[in-house]
Amino acid sequence: MLLFTLQASVLALIVLSFLLVIGVPVTFASPNGWNENKSFIFLGTTVWTLLVLVIGGLNYFVI
């Protein structure tokens, strides 16, 4: 069960990273994009950071 949780977390991190790599430059390039989408970028960054910390903690228990 713990291994499945780790794998699901890693998959979520990969998908979120891909979305942020595509979404953040598009947001900055669009007119008025930062002012309209600032909260989404901060939310994505916060979730990404939490996923990295969760994966680090889960990795401690798996290995």
PDB file of N, CA and C in Angstrom:
ATOM      1  N   MET A   1       0.825  -1.195   0.000  1.00  0.00           N
ATOM      2  CA  MET A   1       0.000   0.000   0.000  1.00  0.00           C
ATOM      3  C   MET A   1       0.867   1.256   0.000  1.00  0.00           C
ATOM      4  N   LEU A   2       1.936   1.213   0.774  1.00  0.00           N
ATOM      5  CA  LEU A   2       2.818   2.378   0.851  1.00  0.00           C
ATOM      6  C   LEU A   2       3.530   2.622  -0.475  1.00  0.00           C
ATOM      7  N   LEU A   3       3.902   1.543  -1.140  1.00  0.00           N
ATOM      8  CA  LEU A   3       4.573   1.671  -2.430  1.00  0.00           C
ATOM      9  C   LEU A   3       3.635   2.272  -3.478  1.00  0.00           C
ATOM     10  N   PHE A   4       2.358   1.863  -3.449  1.00  0.00           N
ATOM     11  CA  PHE A   4       1.375   2.426  -4.375  1.00  0.00           C
ATOM     12  C   PHE A   4       1.189   3.920  -4.128  1.00  0.00           C
ATOM     13  N   THR A   5       1.156   4.328  -2.862  1.00  0.00           N
ATOM     14  CA  THR A   5       1.014   5.746  -2.523  1.00  0.00           C
ATOM     15  C   THR A   5       2.217   6.548  -3.029  1.00  0.00           C
ATOM     16  N   LEU A   6       3.401   5.982  -2.883  1.00  0.00           N
ATOM     17  CA  LEU A   6       4.606   6.641  -3.388  1.00  0.00           C
ATOM     18  C   LEU A   6       4.552   6.776  -4.906  1.00  0.00           C
ATOM     19  N   GLN A   7       4.150   5.722  -5.591  1.00  0.00           N
ATOM     20  CA  GLN A   7       4.086   5.771  -7.047  1.00  0.00           C
ATOM     21  C   GLN A   7       3.029   6.761  -7.529  1.00  0.00           C
ATOM     22  N   ALA A   8       1.894   6.822  -6.851  1.00  0.00           N
ATOM     23  CA  ALA A   8       0.847   7.770  -7.224  1.00  0.00           C
ATOM     24  C   ALA A   8       1.308   9.203  -6.983  1.00  0.00           C
ATOM     25  N   SER A   9       2.042   9.422  -5.906  1.00  0.00           N
ATOM     26  CA  SER A   9       2.565  10.758  -5.611  1.00  0.00           C
ATOM     27  C   SER A   9       3.585  11.191  -6.653  1.00  0.00           C
ATOM     28  N   VAL A  10       4.441  10.277  -7.056  1.00  0.00           N
ATOM     29  CA  VAL A  10       5.437  10.592  -8.083  1.00  0.00           C
ATOM     30  C   VAL A  10       4.748  10.909  -9.411  1.00  0.00           C
ATOM     31  N   LEU A  11       3.729  10.134  -9.761  1.00  0.00           N
ATOM     32  CA  LEU A  11       2.982  10.409 -10.983  1.00  0.00           C
ATOM     33  C   LEU A  11       2.305  11.783 -10.915  1.00  0.00           C
ATOM     34  N   ALA A  12       1.722  12.116  -9.774  1.00  0.00           N
ATOM     35  CA  ALA A  12       1.094  13.427  -9.608  1.00  0.00           C
ATOM     36  C   ALA A  12       2.128  14.543  -9.724  1.00  0.00           C
ATOM     37  N   LEU A  13       3.319  14.328  -9.178  1.00  0.00           N
ATOM     38  CA  LEU A  13       4.378  15.332  -9.273  1.00  0.00           C
ATOM     39  C   LEU A  13       4.825  15.522 -10.723  1.00  0.00           C
ATOM     40  N   ILE A  14       4.933  14.449 -11.465  1.00  0.00           N
ATOM     41  CA  ILE A  14       5.346  14.538 -12.866  1.00  0.00           C
ATOM     42  C   ILE A  14       4.297  15.283 -13.684  1.00  0.00           C
ATOM     43  N   VAL A  15       3.035  14.947 -13.479  1.00  0.00           N
ATOM     44  CA  VAL A  15       1.959  15.605 -14.229  1.00  0.00           C
ATOM     45  C   VAL A  15       1.881  17.086 -13.864  1.00  0.00           C
ATOM     46  N   LEU A  16       1.946  17.391 -12.573  1.00  0.00           N
ATOM     47  CA  LEU A  16       1.891  18.791 -12.143  1.00  0.00           C
ATOM     48  C   LEU A  16       3.102  19.571 -12.657  1.00  0.00           C
ATOM     49  N   SER A  17       4.269  18.958 -12.653  1.00  0.00           N
ATOM     50  CA  SER A  17       5.467  19.629 -13.172  1.00  0.00           C
ATOM     51  C   SER A  17       5.306  19.951 -14.651  1.00  0.00           C
ATOM     52  N   PHE A  18       4.778  18.997 -15.403  1.00  0.00           N
ATOM     53  CA  PHE A  18       4.545  19.225 -16.824  1.00  0.00           C
ATOM     54  C   PHE A  18       3.563  20.374 -17.029  1.00  0.00           C
ATOM     55  N   LEU A  19       2.474  20.391 -16.261  1.00  0.00           N
ATOM     56  CA  LEU A  19       1.489  21.467 -16.386  1.00  0.00           C
ATOM     57  C   LEU A  19       2.080  22.827 -16.017  1.00  0.00           C
ATOM     58  N   LEU A  20       2.925  22.865 -14.998  1.00  0.00           N
ATOM     59  CA  LEU A  20       3.539  24.131 -14.608  1.00  0.00           C
ATOM     60  C   LEU A  20       4.563  24.597 -15.644  1.00  0.00           C
ATOM     61  N   VAL A  21       5.316  23.662 -16.217  1.00  0.00           N
ATOM     62  CA  VAL A  21       6.309  24.033 -17.225  1.00  0.00           C
ATOM     63  C   VAL A  21       5.634  24.639 -18.453  1.00  0.00           C
ATOM     64  N   ILE A  22       4.472  24.139 -18.796  1.00  0.00           N
ATOM     65  CA  ILE A  22       3.726  24.681 -19.932  1.00  0.00           C
ATOM     66  C   ILE A  22       2.920  25.919 -19.526  1.00  0.00           C
ATOM     67  N   GLY A  23       2.263  25.863 -18.380  1.00  0.00           N
ATOM     68  CA  GLY A  23       1.313  26.904 -17.998  1.00  0.00           C
ATOM     69  C   GLY A  23       1.912  28.216 -17.545  1.00  0.00           C
ATOM     70  N   VAL A  24       3.018  28.171 -16.819  1.00  0.00           N
ATOM     71  CA  VAL A  24       3.590  29.419 -16.290  1.00  0.00           C
ATOM     72  C   VAL A  24       4.109  30.329 -17.407  1.00  0.00           C
ATOM     73  N   PRO A  25       4.878  29.847 -18.369  1.00  0.00           N
ATOM     74  CA  PRO A  25       5.294  30.751 -19.449  1.00  0.00           C
ATOM     75  C   PRO A  25       4.130  31.281 -20.282  1.00  0.00           C
ATOM     76  N   VAL A  26       3.122  30.443 -20.489  1.00  0.00           N
ATOM     77  CA  VAL A  26       1.956  30.904 -21.241  1.00  0.00           C
ATOM     78  C   VAL A  26       1.241  31.998 -20.463  1.00  0.00           C
ATOM     79  N   THR A  27       1.159  31.844 -19.161  1.00  0.00           N
ATOM     80  CA  THR A  27       0.527  32.864 -18.326  1.00  0.00           C
ATOM     81  C   THR A  27       1.294  34.171 -18.377  1.00  0.00           C
ATOM     82  N   PHE A  28       2.608  34.097 -18.287  1.00  0.00           N
ATOM     83  CA  PHE A  28       3.409  35.326 -18.338  1.00  0.00           C
ATOM     84  C   PHE A  28       3.376  35.971 -19.717  1.00  0.00           C
ATOM     85  N   ALA A  29       3.226  35.184 -20.764  1.00  0.00           N
ATOM     86  CA  ALA A  29       3.230  35.732 -22.119  1.00  0.00           C
ATOM     87  C   ALA A  29       1.896  36.366 -22.491  1.00  0.00           C
ATOM     88  N   SER A  30       0.824  35.942 -21.861  1.00  0.00           N
ATOM     89  CA  SER A  30      -0.479  36.495 -22.216  1.00  0.00           C
ATOM     90  C   SER A  30      -0.663  37.871 -21.576  1.00  0.00           C
ATOM     91  N   PRO A  31      -1.381  38.742 -22.270  1.00  0.00           N
ATOM     92  CA  PRO A  31      -1.602  40.073 -21.703  1.00  0.00           C
ATOM     93  C   PRO A  31      -2.460  39.980 -20.435  1.00  0.00           C
ATOM     94  N   ASN A  32      -1.999  40.635 -19.400  1.00  0.00           N
ATOM     95  CA  ASN A  32      -2.691  40.659 -18.108  1.00  0.00           C
ATOM     96  C   ASN A  32      -2.801  39.270 -17.487  1.00  0.00           C
ATOM     97  N   GLY A  33      -1.956  38.344 -17.905  1.00  0.00           N
ATOM     98  CA  GLY A  33      -2.041  36.965 -17.433  1.00  0.00           C
ATOM     99  C   GLY A  33      -1.638  36.810 -15.981  1.00  0.00           C
ATOM    100  N   TRP A  34      -0.620  37.543 -15.553  1.00  0.00           N
ATOM    101  CA  TRP A  34      -0.149  37.419 -14.176  1.00  0.00           C
ATOM    102  C   TRP A  34      -1.212  37.897 -13.200  1.00  0.00           C
ATOM    103  N   ASN A  35      -1.838  39.019 -13.500  1.00  0.00           N
ATOM    104  CA  ASN A  35      -2.831  39.567 -12.582  1.00  0.00           C
ATOM    105  C   ASN A  35      -4.068  38.681 -12.480  1.00  0.00           C
ATOM    106  N   GLU A  36      -4.428  38.010 -13.540  1.00  0.00           N
ATOM    107  CA  GLU A  36      -5.632  37.174 -13.534  1.00  0.00           C
ATOM    108  C   GLU A  36      -5.379  35.771 -12.992  1.00  0.00           C
ATOM    109  N   ASN A  37      -4.170  35.250 -13.152  1.00  0.00           N
ATOM    110  CA  ASN A  37      -3.886  33.854 -12.802  1.00  0.00           C
ATOM    111  C   ASN A  37      -2.859  33.696 -11.697  1.00  0.00           C
ATOM    112  N   LYS A  38      -2.610  34.743 -10.952  1.00  0.00           N
ATOM    113  CA  LYS A  38      -1.600  34.705  -9.896  1.00  0.00           C
ATOM    114  C   LYS A  38      -1.922  33.630  -8.856  1.00  0.00           C
ATOM    115  N   SER A  39      -3.171  33.516  -8.477  1.00  0.00           N
ATOM    116  CA  SER A  39      -3.543  32.545  -7.441  1.00  0.00           C
ATOM    117  C   SER A  39      -3.347  31.108  -7.924  1.00  0.00           C
ATOM    118  N   PHE A  40      -3.606  30.834  -9.201  1.00  0.00           N
ATOM    119  CA  PHE A  40      -3.403  29.479  -9.726  1.00  0.00           C
ATOM    120  C   PHE A  40      -1.919  29.102  -9.741  1.00  0.00           C
ATOM    121  N   ILE A  41      -1.065  30.055 -10.066  1.00  0.00           N
ATOM    122  CA  ILE A  41       0.369  29.769 -10.082  1.00  0.00           C
ATOM    123  C   ILE A  41       0.872  29.516  -8.663  1.00  0.00           C
ATOM    124  N   PHE A  42       0.426  30.324  -7.710  1.00  0.00           N
ATOM    125  CA  PHE A  42       0.828  30.107  -6.319  1.00  0.00           C
ATOM    126  C   PHE A  42       0.289  28.791  -5.778  1.00  0.00           C
ATOM    127  N   LEU A  43      -0.936  28.433  -6.137  1.00  0.00           N
ATOM    128  CA  LEU A  43      -1.509  27.166  -5.702  1.00  0.00           C
ATOM    129  C   LEU A  43      -0.723  25.994  -6.299  1.00  0.00           C
ATOM    130  N   GLY A  44      -0.417  26.063  -7.583  1.00  0.00           N
ATOM    131  CA  GLY A  44       0.365  25.004  -8.222  1.00  0.00           C
ATOM    132  C   GLY A  44       1.743  24.859  -7.612  1.00  0.00           C
ATOM    133  N   THR A  45       2.374  25.980  -7.297  1.00  0.00           N
ATOM    134  CA  THR A  45       3.702  25.942  -6.689  1.00  0.00           C
ATOM    135  C   THR A  45       3.643  25.361  -5.285  1.00  0.00           C
ATOM    136  N   THR A  46       2.607  25.704  -4.533  1.00  0.00           N
ATOM    137  CA  THR A  46       2.458  25.173  -3.181  1.00  0.00           C
ATOM    138  C   THR A  46       2.201  23.671  -3.209  1.00  0.00           C
ATOM    139  N   VAL A  47       1.330  23.224  -4.088  1.00  0.00           N
ATOM    140  CA  VAL A  47       1.041  21.787  -4.202  1.00  0.00           C
ATOM    141  C   VAL A  47       2.288  21.041  -4.660  1.00  0.00           C
ATOM    142  N   TRP A  48       3.049  21.633  -5.581  1.00  0.00           N
ATOM    143  CA  TRP A  48       4.278  21.000  -6.058  1.00  0.00           C
ATOM    144  C   TRP A  48       5.269  20.824  -4.899  1.00  0.00           C
ATOM    145  N   THR A  49       5.431  21.861  -4.090  1.00  0.00           N
ATOM    146  CA  THR A  49       6.346  21.795  -2.949  1.00  0.00           C
ATOM    147  C   THR A  49       5.892  20.748  -1.938  1.00  0.00           C
ATOM    148  N   LEU A  50       4.604  20.707  -1.661  1.00  0.00           N
ATOM    149  CA  LEU A  50       4.087  19.700  -0.731  1.00  0.00           C
ATOM    150  C   LEU A  50       4.290  18.290  -1.264  1.00  0.00           C
ATOM    151  N   LEU A  51       4.095  18.099  -2.570  1.00  0.00           N
ATOM    152  CA  LEU A  51       4.329  16.780  -3.155  1.00  0.00           C
ATOM    153  C   LEU A  51       5.793  16.356  -3.023  1.00  0.00           C
ATOM    154  N   VAL A  52       6.706  17.280  -3.218  1.00  0.00           N
ATOM    155  CA  VAL A  52       8.130  16.950  -3.067  1.00  0.00           C
ATOM    156  C   VAL A  52       8.426  16.519  -1.630  1.00  0.00           C
ATOM    157  N   LEU A  53       7.855  17.230  -0.656  1.00  0.00           N
ATOM    158  CA  LEU A  53       8.080  16.864   0.743  1.00  0.00           C
ATOM    159  C   LEU A  53       7.424  15.525   1.092  1.00  0.00           C
ATOM    160  N   VAL A  54       6.227  15.274   0.574  1.00  0.00           N
ATOM    161  CA  VAL A  54       5.546  13.995   0.825  1.00  0.00           C
ATOM    162  C   VAL A  54       6.328  12.846   0.207  1.00  0.00           C
ATOM    163  N   ILE A  55       6.819  13.029  -1.003  1.00  0.00           N
ATOM    164  CA  ILE A  55       7.593  11.978  -1.656  1.00  0.00           C
ATOM    165  C   ILE A  55       8.880  11.711  -0.877  1.00  0.00           C
ATOM    166  N   GLY A  56       9.501  12.763  -0.384  1.00  0.00           N
ATOM    167  CA  GLY A  56      10.708  12.564   0.431  1.00  0.00           C
ATOM    168  C   GLY A  56      10.409  11.772   1.694  1.00  0.00           C
ATOM    169  N   GLY A  57       9.297  12.082   2.344  1.00  0.00           N
ATOM    170  CA  GLY A  57       8.918  11.345   3.549  1.00  0.00           C
ATOM    171  C   GLY A  57       8.549   9.909   3.250  1.00  0.00           C
ATOM    172  N   LEU A  58       7.800   9.680   2.187  1.00  0.00           N
ATOM    173  CA  LEU A  58       7.426   8.311   1.819  1.00  0.00           C
ATOM    174  C   LEU A  58       8.652   7.496   1.408  1.00  0.00           C
ATOM    175  N   ASN A  59       9.586   8.144   0.732  1.00  0.00           N
ATOM    176  CA  ASN A  59      10.802   7.453   0.313  1.00  0.00           C
ATOM    177  C   ASN A  59      11.619   6.979   1.517  1.00  0.00           C
ATOM    178  N   TYR A  60      11.551   7.722   2.582  1.00  0.00           N
ATOM    179  CA  TYR A  60      12.251   7.326   3.808  1.00  0.00           C
ATOM    180  C   TYR A  60      11.727   5.998   4.323  1.00  0.00           C
ATOM    181  N   PHE A  61      10.401   5.795   4.230  1.00  0.00           N
ATOM    182  CA  PHE A  61       9.806   4.565   4.756  1.00  0.00           C
ATOM    183  C   PHE A  61       9.906   3.390   3.794  1.00  0.00           C
ATOM    184  N   VAL A  62       9.972   3.658   2.490  1.00  0.00           N
ATOM    185  CA  VAL A  62      10.005   2.568   1.504  1.00  0.00           C
ATOM    186  C   VAL A  62      11.385   1.942   1.445  1.00  0.00           C
ATOM    187  N   ILE A  63      12.413   2.768   1.475  1.00  0.00           N
ATOM    188  CA  ILE A  63      13.785   2.235   1.307  1.00  0.00           C
ATOM    189  C   ILE A  63      14.367   1.794   2.614  1.00  0.00           C
TER     190      ILE A  63
END
